[in-house]
């Protein structure tokens, strides 16, 4: 640190917000966001070898799936026109789908597929992280949530990691729109800090990812 300061033309000032930090304020800041709502509300397993798709094994009460008339024993053939025949394809389709979507179902005992309109919970995400700005350390942001099964989750990002750079460009989060992450193409790399060490990971695009509008204190993507 002394060597880095010695290279500069002037000594950097101490951030006023950092002066107010304490273990108590740190604990208040590092609070995770609650899990995102279950967008569909079903459990599934691969259908029999005679039928493509995914067999629904249970439907949550008062879930979007139940409200759409989907029942246990039905087989999901497609989601918004995308064929789903494995866990990854189904998670990706639901994760990035718009709120108003369509699901193609073969009802138990039915002979013809049926397309049902369905209203999903929550908003679509492309990357699967939320983050929180820290006034005491404005050159980074803390990850406040990682959505299970998302590109961020697959890449190994976790709650409380600090984002330092994206594709080698130092992180700078502002309230300005559109946010730079809206336009960046997957795959891309994120440099992050965990327990005082800097790591780098690559986020890879699954199928059918969509953009999410950013709003609120915690920034979602």
Protein backbone atom coordinates (compact mmCIF):
# COMPACT_ATOMS: atom_id res chain seq x y z
CA UNK A 1 0.00 0.00 0.00
CA UNK A 2 2.83 2.38 0.86
CA UNK A 3 4.50 1.70 -2.49
CA UNK A 4 1.23 2.40 -4.36
CA UNK A 5 0.73 5.69 -2.48
CA UNK A 6 4.34 6.65 -3.16
CA UNK A 7 3.75 6.33 -6.92
CA UNK A 8 0.92 8.91 -6.84
CA UNK A 9 1.30 12.64 -7.30
CA UNK A 10 -0.82 13.33 -4.21
CA UNK A 11 -1.88 11.38 -1.14
CA UNK A 12 -5.46 10.10 -1.52
CA UNK A 13 -8.01 11.41 0.96
CA UNK A 14 -9.72 9.15 3.45
CA UNK A 15 -13.39 8.56 2.59
CA UNK A 16 -15.71 10.25 5.08
CA UNK A 17 -18.18 7.34 4.96
CA UNK A 18 -15.41 4.90 5.84
CA UNK A 19 -14.67 6.86 9.00
CA UNK A 20 -18.12 5.94 10.31
CA UNK A 21 -17.70 2.21 9.74
CA UNK A 22 -17.73 -0.21 12.66
CA UNK A 23 -18.41 -3.92 13.15
CA UNK A 24 -22.02 -2.98 13.88
CA UNK A 25 -22.53 -0.98 10.66
CA UNK A 26 -20.75 -3.72 8.69
CA UNK A 27 -23.14 -6.31 10.12
CA UNK A 28 -26.16 -4.16 9.19
CA UNK A 29 -24.84 -3.68 5.66
CA UNK A 30 -24.02 -7.32 5.00
CA UNK A 31 -27.59 -8.63 5.18
CA UNK A 32 -28.66 -10.95 2.33
CA UNK A 33 -31.76 -10.30 0.31
CA UNK A 34 -34.52 -12.92 0.70
CA UNK A 35 -34.71 -15.65 -1.95
CA UNK A 36 -36.50 -14.77 -5.15
CA UNK A 37 -40.09 -16.10 -5.38
CA UNK A 38 -40.70 -19.45 -7.02
CA UNK A 39 -41.75 -18.33 -10.46
CA UNK A 40 -43.71 -21.44 -11.51
CA UNK A 41 -44.30 -23.63 -8.46
CA UNK A 42 -43.83 -27.17 -9.74
CA UNK A 43 -41.46 -30.07 -9.20
CA UNK A 44 -40.64 -32.40 -12.06
CA UNK A 45 -38.63 -35.36 -13.22
CA UNK A 46 -37.82 -36.74 -16.70
CA UNK A 47 -40.84 -38.29 -18.35
CA UNK A 48 -40.89 -41.94 -19.42
CA UNK A 49 -38.92 -43.05 -22.44
CA UNK A 50 -42.14 -43.13 -24.44
CA UNK A 51 -42.88 -39.46 -23.82
CA UNK A 52 -40.57 -36.49 -24.26
CA UNK A 53 -40.65 -33.63 -21.78
CA UNK A 54 -40.81 -33.43 -17.99
CA UNK A 55 -43.32 -35.18 -15.75
CA UNK A 56 -44.80 -32.91 -13.06
CA UNK A 57 -44.57 -34.65 -9.69
CA UNK A 58 -46.09 -31.90 -7.52
CA UNK A 59 -47.74 -28.48 -7.80
CA UNK A 60 -47.43 -25.91 -5.01
CA UNK A 61 -50.63 -24.51 -3.55
CA UNK A 62 -51.65 -21.06 -4.83
CA UNK A 63 -48.73 -21.14 -7.27
CA UNK A 64 -48.87 -19.78 -10.83
CA UNK A 65 -48.94 -23.37 -12.05
CA UNK A 66 -51.98 -24.24 -9.95
CA UNK A 67 -53.77 -21.08 -11.04
CA UNK A 68 -53.14 -22.06 -14.67
CA UNK A 69 -54.80 -25.45 -14.10
CA UNK A 70 -51.61 -27.52 -14.21
CA UNK A 71 -51.75 -30.76 -12.20
CA UNK A 72 -49.47 -33.52 -11.01
CA UNK A 73 -49.08 -36.13 -13.72
CA UNK A 74 -49.13 -33.59 -16.54
CA UNK A 75 -46.09 -33.52 -18.82
CA UNK A 76 -44.36 -30.25 -19.75
CA UNK A 77 -43.36 -30.34 -23.40
CA UNK A 78 -42.29 -26.73 -24.01
CA UNK A 79 -42.08 -23.33 -22.33
CA UNK A 80 -42.69 -20.28 -24.52
CA UNK A 81 -42.15 -22.48 -27.54
CA UNK A 82 -38.79 -23.83 -26.30
CA UNK A 83 -38.62 -27.61 -25.96
CA UNK A 84 -37.75 -28.67 -22.41
CA UNK A 85 -36.57 -32.22 -21.80
CA UNK A 86 -34.00 -31.79 -19.01
CA UNK A 87 -33.48 -29.84 -15.78
CA UNK A 88 -31.16 -27.22 -17.27
CA UNK A 89 -33.45 -26.41 -20.18
CA UNK A 90 -36.46 -26.06 -17.86
CA UNK A 91 -34.65 -23.89 -15.30
CA UNK A 92 -33.26 -21.63 -18.01
CA UNK A 93 -36.65 -21.25 -19.69
CA UNK A 94 -38.48 -20.32 -16.48
CA UNK A 95 -35.63 -18.21 -15.10
CA UNK A 96 -35.57 -15.86 -18.08
CA UNK A 97 -39.22 -15.96 -19.13
CA UNK A 98 -41.44 -12.85 -19.17
CA UNK A 99 -44.16 -12.60 -16.54
CA UNK A 100 -46.85 -13.46 -19.08
CA UNK A 101 -45.77 -16.75 -20.63
CA UNK A 102 -47.11 -19.90 -22.23
CA UNK A 103 -46.53 -23.52 -21.27
CA UNK A 104 -47.24 -26.51 -23.48
CA UNK A 105 -48.74 -29.36 -21.47
CA UNK A 106 -49.78 -32.94 -22.21
CA UNK A 107 -52.42 -33.63 -19.59
CA UNK A 108 -52.47 -36.95 -17.79
CA UNK A 109 -54.44 -39.32 -19.97
CA UNK A 110 -54.67 -36.72 -22.74
CA UNK A 111 -53.84 -37.38 -26.36
CA UNK A 112 -53.10 -33.85 -27.62
CA UNK A 113 -50.85 -31.14 -26.27
CA UNK A 114 -52.43 -27.97 -24.91
CA UNK A 115 -50.92 -24.50 -24.65
CA UNK A 116 -51.80 -22.70 -21.41
CA UNK A 117 -51.27 -19.05 -20.56
CA UNK A 118 -49.49 -18.57 -17.24
CA UNK A 119 -48.58 -15.53 -15.13
CA UNK A 120 -45.22 -16.10 -13.44
CA UNK A 121 -44.06 -14.57 -10.17
CA UNK A 122 -41.18 -12.13 -10.07
CA UNK A 123 -39.24 -10.71 -12.96
CA UNK A 124 -36.92 -12.40 -15.48
CA UNK A 125 -33.20 -12.25 -14.85
CA UNK A 126 -30.30 -12.64 -17.25
CA UNK A 127 -27.36 -13.08 -14.89
CA UNK A 128 -28.92 -13.88 -11.53
CA UNK A 129 -27.35 -11.47 -9.05
CA UNK A 130 -28.40 -8.52 -6.94
CA UNK A 131 -25.87 -6.11 -5.49
CA UNK A 132 -25.68 -3.29 -3.00
CA UNK A 133 -23.54 -0.18 -3.25
CA UNK A 134 -21.25 0.70 -0.36
CA UNK A 135 -20.64 4.42 0.16
CA UNK A 136 -17.55 3.58 2.20
CA UNK A 137 -16.07 1.62 -0.71
CA UNK A 138 -17.56 3.07 -3.92
CA UNK A 139 -15.20 1.23 -6.28
CA UNK A 140 -16.89 -2.09 -5.44
CA UNK A 141 -20.40 -3.40 -4.81
CA UNK A 142 -21.40 -6.24 -2.52
CA UNK A 143 -23.41 -9.13 -3.96
CA UNK A 144 -26.57 -9.31 -1.86
CA UNK A 145 -28.20 -12.30 -3.58
CA UNK A 146 -27.33 -15.05 -6.05
CA UNK A 147 -30.27 -16.84 -7.70
CA UNK A 148 -29.89 -20.64 -7.64
CA UNK A 149 -29.28 -22.14 -11.07
CA UNK A 150 -28.38 -18.78 -12.63
CA UNK A 151 -25.17 -18.06 -14.61
CA UNK A 152 -23.84 -16.25 -11.52
CA UNK A 153 -24.52 -19.30 -9.36
CA UNK A 154 -22.94 -21.67 -11.88
CA UNK A 155 -19.89 -19.37 -12.06
CA UNK A 156 -19.42 -19.70 -8.29
CA UNK A 157 -20.39 -16.20 -7.13
CA UNK A 158 -21.72 -16.02 -3.57
CA UNK A 159 -23.40 -13.61 -1.16
CA UNK A 160 -21.02 -10.91 0.22
CA UNK A 161 -18.54 -11.22 -2.66
CA UNK A 162 -17.31 -7.79 -3.77
CA UNK A 163 -17.40 -6.99 -7.48
CA UNK A 164 -14.17 -5.29 -8.54
CA UNK A 165 -14.19 -5.40 -12.36
CA UNK A 166 -16.17 -6.67 -15.35
CA UNK A 167 -14.16 -7.82 -18.36
CA UNK A 168 -11.13 -6.14 -16.82
CA UNK A 169 -12.86 -2.75 -16.55
CA UNK A 170 -12.99 -1.39 -12.97
CA UNK A 171 -16.46 -1.58 -11.49
CA UNK A 172 -18.37 1.67 -11.13
CA UNK A 173 -22.05 1.40 -10.30
CA UNK A 174 -24.24 4.48 -10.60
CA UNK A 175 -27.93 5.27 -10.70
CA UNK A 176 -27.63 6.16 -14.39
CA UNK A 177 -29.60 4.07 -16.86
CA UNK A 178 -29.12 1.99 -18.81
CA UNK A 179 -26.71 0.14 -16.56
CA UNK A 180 -23.55 -1.14 -18.33
CA UNK A 181 -24.49 -4.75 -17.57
CA UNK A 182 -27.59 -4.33 -19.74
CA UNK A 183 -25.48 -4.23 -22.88
CA UNK A 184 -22.64 -6.58 -22.06
CA UNK A 185 -22.77 -9.88 -23.91
CA UNK A 186 -22.38 -13.23 -22.23
CA UNK A 187 -19.91 -14.78 -21.70
CA UNK A 188 -17.97 -12.21 -19.68
CA UNK A 189 -15.65 -12.26 -16.69
CA UNK A 190 -16.12 -10.79 -13.22
CA UNK A 191 -13.23 -10.07 -10.87
CA UNK A 192 -14.41 -10.28 -7.28
CA UNK A 193 -13.07 -10.27 -3.73
CA UNK A 194 -13.81 -12.94 -1.16
CA UNK A 195 -12.22 -13.04 2.29
CA UNK A 196 -9.54 -10.57 1.20
CA UNK A 197 -8.49 -12.44 -1.95
CA UNK A 198 -9.23 -11.50 -5.57
CA UNK A 199 -10.68 -14.14 -7.90
CA UNK A 200 -11.92 -14.15 -11.49
CA UNK A 201 -14.78 -16.17 -12.94
CA UNK A 202 -16.58 -16.38 -16.28
CA UNK A 203 -20.36 -16.14 -16.63
CA UNK A 204 -21.65 -18.20 -19.54
CA UNK A 205 -24.96 -17.59 -21.31
CA UNK A 206 -27.60 -20.32 -21.09
CA UNK A 207 -30.46 -20.36 -23.56
CA UNK A 208 -33.15 -17.69 -23.80
CA UNK A 209 -31.82 -15.14 -21.32
CA UNK A 210 -33.67 -11.81 -21.11
CA UNK A 211 -32.82 -8.40 -19.64
CA UNK A 212 -34.19 -7.23 -16.33
CA UNK A 213 -35.02 -3.63 -15.53
CA UNK A 214 -32.99 -2.39 -12.56
CA UNK A 215 -34.72 -0.72 -9.64
CA UNK A 216 -34.57 -0.32 -5.89
CA UNK A 217 -31.67 -0.12 -3.45
CA UNK A 218 -30.34 -3.50 -4.44
CA UNK A 219 -29.54 -3.78 -8.13
CA UNK A 220 -30.82 -6.94 -9.78
CA UNK A 221 -29.58 -8.56 -12.95
